[in-house]
């Protein structure tokens, strides 16, 4: 099966009551135009999207195809991430954290609590962030919600 456009979200009324067969798209693949995947149910899926995916990305629950009573939807699996907390006594460190993460071309997401951020895990990033005064970090499994991204694009680019 070849999918060439996003049909909507699994929460859309037209997909209510349909069986959902998930296609795992990892966070660092979400902004790519071409994919060859196997759905959770074992169906081979080819994804060939236009350039709009380069800025929009594929998001959790995007419907790639509908066939009979089944819809094929994107699932972004959790990944290891760094959850960053800025001490309320040091709000100026927010700019420093955002600058350092952006300077490494790493994706950045709003955290769940005020003064928190999330970035995908890599050891040099964790070490650097732990050295910042007024900043605490924890490494744990996170679900990256692209609707909460801060960075303009998401790439797995590193120096």
N, C-alpha and C. Protein backbone atom coordinates (compact mmCIF):
# COMPACT_ATOMS: atom_id res chain seq x y z
N UNK A 1 0.85 -1.17 0.00
CA UNK A 1 0.00 0.00 0.00
C UNK A 1 0.90 1.24 0.00
N UNK A 2 0.58 2.21 -0.85
CA UNK A 2 1.31 3.46 -0.94
C UNK A 2 0.42 4.58 -0.40
N UNK A 3 0.97 5.38 0.51
CA UNK A 3 0.25 6.51 1.10
C UNK A 3 0.94 7.79 0.65
N UNK A 4 0.15 8.70 0.06
CA UNK A 4 0.74 9.92 -0.48
C UNK A 4 0.25 11.20 0.17
N UNK A 5 -0.67 11.08 1.14
CA UNK A 5 -1.11 12.27 1.86
C UNK A 5 -1.69 11.85 3.21
N UNK A 6 -1.72 12.80 4.10
CA UNK A 6 -2.31 12.57 5.42
C UNK A 6 -3.81 12.83 5.28
N UNK A 7 -4.61 11.82 5.65
CA UNK A 7 -6.05 11.91 5.47
C UNK A 7 -6.77 12.62 6.61
N UNK A 8 -6.10 12.80 7.72
CA UNK A 8 -6.72 13.43 8.90
C UNK A 8 -6.13 12.83 10.15
N UNK A 9 -6.90 12.93 11.24
CA UNK A 9 -6.48 12.38 12.54
C UNK A 9 -7.44 11.25 12.92
N UNK A 10 -6.95 10.29 13.70
CA UNK A 10 -7.83 9.18 14.10
C UNK A 10 -9.00 9.68 14.94
N UNK A 11 -8.88 10.88 15.51
CA UNK A 11 -9.97 11.46 16.30
C UNK A 11 -11.06 12.09 15.42
N UNK A 12 -10.84 12.21 14.11
CA UNK A 12 -11.83 12.78 13.20
C UNK A 12 -13.06 11.88 13.14
N UNK A 13 -14.21 12.51 13.01
CA UNK A 13 -15.49 11.80 13.00
C UNK A 13 -15.54 10.69 11.95
N UNK A 14 -14.98 10.92 10.79
CA UNK A 14 -15.06 9.93 9.71
C UNK A 14 -14.34 8.62 10.03
N UNK A 15 -13.46 8.64 11.04
CA UNK A 15 -12.72 7.42 11.40
C UNK A 15 -13.26 6.77 12.68
N UNK A 16 -14.31 7.34 13.27
CA UNK A 16 -14.90 6.80 14.48
C UNK A 16 -15.40 5.37 14.24
N UNK A 17 -15.06 4.48 15.16
CA UNK A 17 -15.51 3.10 15.08
C UNK A 17 -14.66 2.20 14.20
N UNK A 18 -13.65 2.75 13.57
CA UNK A 18 -12.79 1.95 12.70
C UNK A 18 -11.66 1.32 13.53
N UNK A 19 -11.19 0.19 13.09
CA UNK A 19 -10.04 -0.46 13.71
C UNK A 19 -8.80 0.35 13.31
N UNK A 20 -7.88 0.53 14.27
CA UNK A 20 -6.66 1.29 14.00
C UNK A 20 -5.48 0.33 13.95
N UNK A 21 -4.76 0.35 12.84
CA UNK A 21 -3.53 -0.43 12.67
C UNK A 21 -2.40 0.60 12.65
N UNK A 22 -1.58 0.59 13.71
CA UNK A 22 -0.55 1.62 13.86
C UNK A 22 0.70 1.33 13.05
N UNK A 23 1.29 2.42 12.56
CA UNK A 23 2.57 2.39 11.85
C UNK A 23 3.53 3.21 12.70
N UNK A 24 4.57 2.56 13.22
CA UNK A 24 5.54 3.27 14.06
C UNK A 24 6.45 4.14 13.21
N UNK A 25 6.46 5.42 13.54
CA UNK A 25 7.37 6.40 12.93
C UNK A 25 8.16 7.00 14.10
N UNK A 26 9.45 6.74 14.15
CA UNK A 26 10.26 7.23 15.25
C UNK A 26 10.44 8.75 15.13
N UNK A 27 10.69 9.39 16.28
CA UNK A 27 10.73 10.85 16.32
C UNK A 27 11.67 11.44 15.29
N UNK A 28 12.81 10.77 15.04
CA UNK A 28 13.78 11.33 14.11
C UNK A 28 13.46 11.00 12.65
N UNK A 29 12.36 10.31 12.41
CA UNK A 29 11.90 10.03 11.05
C UNK A 29 10.68 10.87 10.67
N UNK A 30 10.12 11.59 11.63
CA UNK A 30 8.83 12.25 11.45
C UNK A 30 8.83 13.33 10.38
N UNK A 31 10.00 13.84 10.00
CA UNK A 31 10.06 14.92 9.02
C UNK A 31 10.66 14.46 7.70
N UNK A 32 10.59 13.15 7.45
CA UNK A 32 11.10 12.60 6.20
C UNK A 32 9.93 12.33 5.25
N UNK A 33 10.20 12.48 3.98
CA UNK A 33 9.15 12.32 2.96
C UNK A 33 8.91 10.87 2.58
N UNK A 34 9.91 10.02 2.68
CA UNK A 34 9.80 8.64 2.23
C UNK A 34 10.00 7.67 3.38
N UNK A 35 9.10 6.69 3.45
CA UNK A 35 9.19 5.65 4.48
C UNK A 35 8.76 4.31 3.86
N UNK A 36 9.36 3.27 4.36
CA UNK A 36 8.88 1.92 4.06
C UNK A 36 8.75 1.23 5.40
N UNK A 37 7.53 0.92 5.78
CA UNK A 37 7.23 0.42 7.11
C UNK A 37 6.31 -0.79 7.03
N UNK A 38 6.24 -1.49 8.14
CA UNK A 38 5.26 -2.57 8.32
C UNK A 38 4.39 -2.17 9.49
N UNK A 39 3.08 -2.19 9.29
CA UNK A 39 2.16 -1.79 10.35
C UNK A 39 2.17 -2.84 11.46
N UNK A 40 1.58 -2.48 12.57
CA UNK A 40 1.46 -3.38 13.70
C UNK A 40 0.77 -4.69 13.30
N UNK A 41 -0.16 -4.59 12.36
CA UNK A 41 -0.89 -5.76 11.88
C UNK A 41 -0.19 -6.50 10.76
N UNK A 42 1.01 -6.09 10.38
CA UNK A 42 1.80 -6.80 9.37
C UNK A 42 1.61 -6.34 7.93
N UNK A 43 0.97 -5.22 7.71
CA UNK A 43 0.74 -4.71 6.36
C UNK A 43 1.94 -3.84 5.95
N UNK A 44 2.48 -4.10 4.76
CA UNK A 44 3.57 -3.29 4.21
C UNK A 44 3.01 -1.94 3.77
N UNK A 45 3.64 -0.87 4.25
CA UNK A 45 3.18 0.49 3.96
C UNK A 45 4.34 1.28 3.36
N UNK A 46 4.09 1.89 2.22
CA UNK A 46 5.03 2.83 1.64
C UNK A 46 4.46 4.22 1.81
N UNK A 47 5.26 5.13 2.32
CA UNK A 47 4.80 6.51 2.52
C UNK A 47 5.64 7.40 1.62
N UNK A 48 4.96 8.18 0.77
CA UNK A 48 5.62 9.11 -0.14
C UNK A 48 4.85 10.43 -0.06
N UNK A 49 5.37 11.36 0.73
CA UNK A 49 4.67 12.62 1.00
C UNK A 49 5.33 13.78 0.28
N UNK A 50 4.58 14.86 0.14
CA UNK A 50 5.12 16.05 -0.52
C UNK A 50 5.98 16.85 0.46
N UNK A 51 6.48 17.98 0.01
CA UNK A 51 7.40 18.79 0.81
C UNK A 51 6.78 19.37 2.08
N UNK A 52 5.45 19.39 2.19
CA UNK A 52 4.82 19.96 3.38
C UNK A 52 5.21 19.20 4.65
N UNK A 53 5.55 17.93 4.51
CA UNK A 53 5.95 17.15 5.69
C UNK A 53 7.27 17.64 6.27
N UNK A 54 8.07 18.35 5.49
CA UNK A 54 9.35 18.85 5.97
C UNK A 54 9.19 19.90 7.06
N UNK A 55 8.05 20.60 7.08
CA UNK A 55 7.80 21.58 8.13
C UNK A 55 6.70 21.11 9.10
N UNK A 56 5.73 20.37 8.61
CA UNK A 56 4.63 19.90 9.44
C UNK A 56 5.02 18.66 10.23
N UNK A 57 5.69 17.74 9.57
CA UNK A 57 6.05 16.47 10.19
C UNK A 57 4.86 15.53 10.28
N UNK A 58 5.15 14.28 10.57
CA UNK A 58 4.11 13.30 10.86
C UNK A 58 3.87 13.33 12.36
N UNK A 59 2.62 13.34 12.77
CA UNK A 59 2.28 13.45 14.18
C UNK A 59 1.50 12.25 14.66
N UNK A 60 1.55 12.02 15.96
CA UNK A 60 0.79 10.94 16.58
C UNK A 60 -0.66 11.03 16.13
N UNK A 61 -1.20 9.90 15.63
CA UNK A 61 -2.60 9.85 15.25
C UNK A 61 -2.91 10.30 13.84
N UNK A 62 -1.92 10.73 13.06
CA UNK A 62 -2.17 11.07 11.66
C UNK A 62 -2.60 9.81 10.91
N UNK A 63 -3.64 9.92 10.11
CA UNK A 63 -4.12 8.78 9.33
C UNK A 63 -3.45 8.81 7.97
N UNK A 64 -2.76 7.72 7.67
CA UNK A 64 -2.04 7.60 6.40
C UNK A 64 -2.90 6.94 5.32
N UNK A 65 -3.79 6.05 5.73
CA UNK A 65 -4.62 5.33 4.76
C UNK A 65 -5.84 4.76 5.47
N UNK A 66 -6.87 4.51 4.69
CA UNK A 66 -8.08 3.85 5.19
C UNK A 66 -8.44 2.78 4.17
N UNK A 67 -8.68 1.59 4.66
CA UNK A 67 -9.02 0.47 3.79
C UNK A 67 -10.09 -0.37 4.49
N UNK A 68 -11.30 -0.35 3.95
CA UNK A 68 -12.41 -1.07 4.59
C UNK A 68 -12.70 -0.48 5.95
N UNK A 69 -12.72 -1.33 6.98
CA UNK A 69 -13.01 -0.85 8.34
C UNK A 69 -11.74 -0.57 9.14
N UNK A 70 -10.59 -0.45 8.46
CA UNK A 70 -9.31 -0.23 9.12
C UNK A 70 -8.68 1.07 8.65
N UNK A 71 -8.12 1.81 9.61
CA UNK A 71 -7.31 2.98 9.28
C UNK A 71 -5.88 2.70 9.73
N UNK A 72 -4.94 3.21 8.97
CA UNK A 72 -3.52 3.07 9.27
C UNK A 72 -3.05 4.42 9.77
N UNK A 73 -2.62 4.43 11.03
CA UNK A 73 -2.30 5.71 11.68
C UNK A 73 -0.88 5.69 12.25
N UNK A 74 -0.31 6.88 12.33
CA UNK A 74 1.04 7.08 12.86
C UNK A 74 1.03 6.92 14.37
N UNK A 75 2.04 6.20 14.85
CA UNK A 75 2.32 6.14 16.29
C UNK A 75 3.78 6.53 16.46
N UNK A 76 4.02 7.55 17.28
CA UNK A 76 5.39 7.97 17.58
C UNK A 76 5.77 7.24 18.89
N UNK A 77 6.62 6.21 18.80
CA UNK A 77 6.98 5.47 20.02
C UNK A 77 7.76 6.35 20.99
N UNK A 78 7.61 6.08 22.28
CA UNK A 78 8.41 6.81 23.27
C UNK A 78 9.90 6.58 23.02
N UNK A 79 10.70 7.51 23.50
CA UNK A 79 12.15 7.40 23.36
C UNK A 79 12.80 7.88 24.65
N UNK A 80 14.09 7.65 24.76
CA UNK A 80 14.81 8.15 25.91
C UNK A 80 15.01 9.65 25.72
N UNK A 81 14.69 10.41 26.75
CA UNK A 81 14.81 11.85 26.64
C UNK A 81 15.42 12.47 27.87
N UNK A 82 15.80 13.71 27.74
CA UNK A 82 16.31 14.49 28.86
C UNK A 82 15.22 15.49 29.24
N UNK A 83 14.72 15.38 30.45
CA UNK A 83 13.74 16.33 30.95
C UNK A 83 14.53 17.37 31.77
N UNK A 84 14.39 18.63 31.37
CA UNK A 84 15.18 19.72 31.93
C UNK A 84 14.26 20.60 32.78
N UNK A 85 14.70 20.88 34.00
CA UNK A 85 13.94 21.75 34.90
C UNK A 85 14.79 22.97 35.23
N UNK A 86 14.20 24.14 35.04
CA UNK A 86 14.86 25.40 35.38
C UNK A 86 14.41 25.80 36.79
N UNK A 87 15.34 26.02 37.68
CA UNK A 87 15.03 26.44 39.04
C UNK A 87 14.33 27.79 38.98
N UNK A 88 13.17 27.94 39.63
CA UNK A 88 12.45 29.23 39.60
C UNK A 88 13.29 30.40 40.11
N UNK A 89 14.32 30.12 40.91
CA UNK A 89 15.21 31.17 41.41
C UNK A 89 16.22 31.62 40.35
N UNK A 90 16.27 30.89 39.22
CA UNK A 90 17.24 31.19 38.16
C UNK A 90 16.56 31.20 36.78
N UNK A 91 15.53 32.03 36.60
CA UNK A 91 14.80 32.01 35.32
C UNK A 91 15.67 32.42 34.13
N UNK A 92 16.75 33.15 34.39
CA UNK A 92 17.64 33.56 33.30
C UNK A 92 18.31 32.37 32.62
N UNK A 93 18.32 31.22 33.29
CA UNK A 93 18.95 30.03 32.71
C UNK A 93 18.11 29.44 31.58
N UNK A 94 16.86 29.86 31.46
CA UNK A 94 16.02 29.40 30.36
C UNK A 94 16.68 29.77 29.03
N UNK A 95 17.14 31.00 28.91
CA UNK A 95 17.79 31.43 27.67
C UNK A 95 19.05 30.62 27.41
N UNK A 96 19.83 30.37 28.44
CA UNK A 96 21.07 29.59 28.30
C UNK A 96 20.78 28.17 27.83
N UNK A 97 19.81 27.52 28.44
CA UNK A 97 19.44 26.15 28.06
C UNK A 97 18.97 26.12 26.60
N UNK A 98 18.08 27.02 26.25
CA UNK A 98 17.56 27.05 24.87
C UNK A 98 18.67 27.33 23.87
N UNK A 99 19.57 28.25 24.21
CA UNK A 99 20.69 28.55 23.32
C UNK A 99 21.58 27.33 23.13
N UNK A 100 21.97 26.68 24.22
CA UNK A 100 22.88 25.53 24.13
C UNK A 100 22.26 24.38 23.34
N UNK A 101 21.00 24.11 23.55
CA UNK A 101 20.33 23.02 22.81
C UNK A 101 20.21 23.39 21.34
N UNK A 102 19.80 24.62 21.06
CA UNK A 102 19.70 25.08 19.67
C UNK A 102 21.04 25.09 18.97
N UNK A 103 22.09 25.46 19.68
CA UNK A 103 23.43 25.50 19.11
C UNK A 103 23.91 24.11 18.68
N UNK A 104 23.33 23.09 19.28
CA UNK A 104 23.67 21.71 18.92
C UNK A 104 22.66 21.13 17.92
N UNK A 105 21.79 21.98 17.42
CA UNK A 105 20.78 21.59 16.43
C UNK A 105 19.89 20.46 16.92
N UNK A 106 19.67 20.40 18.22
CA UNK A 106 18.82 19.36 18.80
C UNK A 106 17.39 19.87 18.89
N UNK A 107 16.43 19.00 18.75
CA UNK A 107 15.03 19.41 18.91
C UNK A 107 14.73 19.74 20.36
N UNK A 108 13.81 20.65 20.56
CA UNK A 108 13.44 21.09 21.90
C UNK A 108 11.93 21.17 21.99
N UNK A 109 11.38 20.67 23.09
CA UNK A 109 9.95 20.63 23.31
C UNK A 109 9.63 21.25 24.67
N UNK A 110 8.43 21.86 24.78
CA UNK A 110 7.97 22.33 26.07
C UNK A 110 7.75 21.12 26.96
N UNK A 111 8.12 21.22 28.22
CA UNK A 111 7.87 20.16 29.18
C UNK A 111 6.44 20.22 29.70
N UNK A 112 6.12 19.30 30.58
CA UNK A 112 4.77 19.24 31.13
C UNK A 112 4.53 20.29 32.21
N UNK A 113 5.60 20.65 32.93
CA UNK A 113 5.47 21.65 33.99
C UNK A 113 6.08 22.97 33.53
N UNK A 114 5.64 24.05 34.17
CA UNK A 114 6.22 25.36 33.89
C UNK A 114 7.72 25.31 34.19
N UNK A 115 8.53 25.87 33.31
CA UNK A 115 9.97 25.88 33.51
C UNK A 115 10.66 24.58 33.17
N UNK A 116 9.98 23.74 32.41
CA UNK A 116 10.62 22.48 32.01
C UNK A 116 10.61 22.33 30.50
N UNK A 117 11.60 21.60 30.01
CA UNK A 117 11.79 21.36 28.59
C UNK A 117 12.18 19.90 28.40
N UNK A 118 12.07 19.42 27.17
CA UNK A 118 12.46 18.04 26.85
C UNK A 118 13.26 18.07 25.55
N UNK A 119 14.32 17.29 25.53
CA UNK A 119 15.10 17.08 24.31
C UNK A 119 15.45 15.60 24.25
N UNK A 120 15.55 15.01 23.07
CA UNK A 120 15.96 13.61 23.00
C UNK A 120 17.34 13.41 23.64
N UNK A 121 17.52 12.25 24.22
CA UNK A 121 18.74 11.95 24.96
C UNK A 121 19.95 11.79 24.06
N UNK A 122 21.05 12.38 24.48
CA UNK A 122 22.39 11.99 24.05
C UNK A 122 23.31 12.38 25.20
N UNK A 123 24.33 11.58 25.41
CA UNK A 123 25.19 11.73 26.59
C UNK A 123 25.90 13.09 26.66
N UNK A 124 26.50 13.58 25.58
CA UNK A 124 27.16 14.90 25.68
C UNK A 124 26.18 16.01 26.08
N UNK A 125 24.95 15.93 25.61
CA UNK A 125 23.94 16.94 25.97
C UNK A 125 23.64 16.86 27.46
N UNK A 126 23.45 15.65 27.98
CA UNK A 126 23.15 15.47 29.40
C UNK A 126 24.29 16.04 30.25
N UNK A 127 25.52 15.71 29.90
CA UNK A 127 26.68 16.18 30.66
C UNK A 127 26.75 17.70 30.65
N UNK A 128 26.55 18.31 29.49
CA UNK A 128 26.61 19.77 29.39
C UNK A 128 25.50 20.41 30.24
N UNK A 129 24.28 19.90 30.14
CA UNK A 129 23.17 20.49 30.89
C UNK A 129 23.35 20.35 32.40
N UNK A 130 23.92 19.24 32.83
CA UNK A 130 24.14 19.03 34.27
C UNK A 130 25.14 20.03 34.85
N UNK A 131 25.97 20.62 34.02
CA UNK A 131 26.97 21.57 34.49
C UNK A 131 26.40 22.98 34.68
N UNK A 132 25.18 23.21 34.19
CA UNK A 132 24.59 24.55 34.28
C UNK A 132 23.98 24.80 35.66
N UNK A 133 24.36 25.90 36.27
CA UNK A 133 23.83 26.30 37.58
C UNK A 133 22.33 26.60 37.46
N UNK A 134 21.54 26.11 38.39
CA UNK A 134 20.11 26.40 38.38
C UNK A 134 19.32 25.51 37.43
N UNK A 135 19.96 24.47 36.92
CA UNK A 135 19.32 23.56 35.98
C UNK A 135 19.46 22.14 36.51
N UNK A 136 18.37 21.38 36.52
CA UNK A 136 18.45 19.96 36.87
C UNK A 136 17.90 19.16 35.70
N UNK A 137 18.43 17.96 35.53
CA UNK A 137 18.01 17.11 34.43
C UNK A 137 17.71 15.71 34.94
N UNK A 138 16.81 15.04 34.25
CA UNK A 138 16.58 13.63 34.50
C UNK A 138 16.42 12.94 33.15
N UNK A 139 16.98 11.76 33.05
CA UNK A 139 16.87 10.96 31.83
C UNK A 139 15.78 9.94 32.07
N UNK A 140 14.79 9.93 31.17
CA UNK A 140 13.69 8.95 31.28
C UNK A 140 13.02 8.79 29.93
N UNK A 141 12.17 7.78 29.85
CA UNK A 141 11.42 7.55 28.63
C UNK A 141 10.34 8.62 28.52
N UNK A 142 10.26 9.24 27.34
CA UNK A 142 9.29 10.31 27.10
C UNK A 142 8.58 10.08 25.77
N UNK A 143 7.41 10.64 25.67
CA UNK A 143 6.70 10.69 24.39
C UNK A 143 6.85 12.11 23.87
N UNK A 144 7.46 12.25 22.72
CA UNK A 144 7.67 13.57 22.15
C UNK A 144 6.40 13.99 21.42
N UNK A 145 5.79 15.05 21.91
CA UNK A 145 4.56 15.59 21.34
C UNK A 145 4.93 16.75 20.43
N UNK A 146 4.83 16.51 19.12
CA UNK A 146 5.28 17.51 18.16
C UNK A 146 4.43 18.78 18.19
N UNK A 147 3.24 18.73 18.78
CA UNK A 147 2.46 19.95 18.92
C UNK A 147 3.06 20.86 20.01
N UNK A 148 4.00 20.33 20.80
CA UNK A 148 4.66 21.10 21.85
C UNK A 148 6.11 21.41 21.52
N UNK A 149 6.48 21.25 20.25
CA UNK A 149 7.87 21.52 19.89
C UNK A 149 8.11 23.03 19.86
N UNK A 150 9.33 23.37 20.22
CA UNK A 150 9.74 24.77 20.21
C UNK A 150 10.58 25.04 18.98
N UNK A 151 11.46 24.11 18.65
CA UNK A 151 12.34 24.30 17.51
C UNK A 151 11.54 24.27 16.20
N UNK A 152 12.00 25.01 15.22
CA UNK A 152 11.30 25.14 13.95
C UNK A 152 11.30 23.84 13.16
N UNK A 153 12.32 23.04 13.32
CA UNK A 153 12.38 21.76 12.63
C UNK A 153 12.97 20.73 13.58
N UNK A 154 12.79 19.49 13.24
CA UNK A 154 13.29 18.41 14.08
C UNK A 154 14.19 17.54 13.23
N UNK A 155 15.46 17.51 13.56
CA UNK A 155 16.42 16.68 12.85
C UNK A 155 17.26 15.94 13.86
N UNK A 156 17.85 14.86 13.45
CA UNK A 156 18.75 14.12 14.36
C UNK A 156 20.19 14.53 14.11
N UNK A 157 20.39 15.75 13.63
CA UNK A 157 21.70 16.27 13.28
C UNK A 157 22.51 16.58 14.53
N UNK A 158 23.75 16.16 14.55
CA UNK A 158 24.67 16.52 15.64
C UNK A 158 26.02 16.87 15.07
N UNK A 159 26.84 17.57 15.85
CA UNK A 159 28.21 17.92 15.44
C UNK A 159 29.16 16.97 16.09
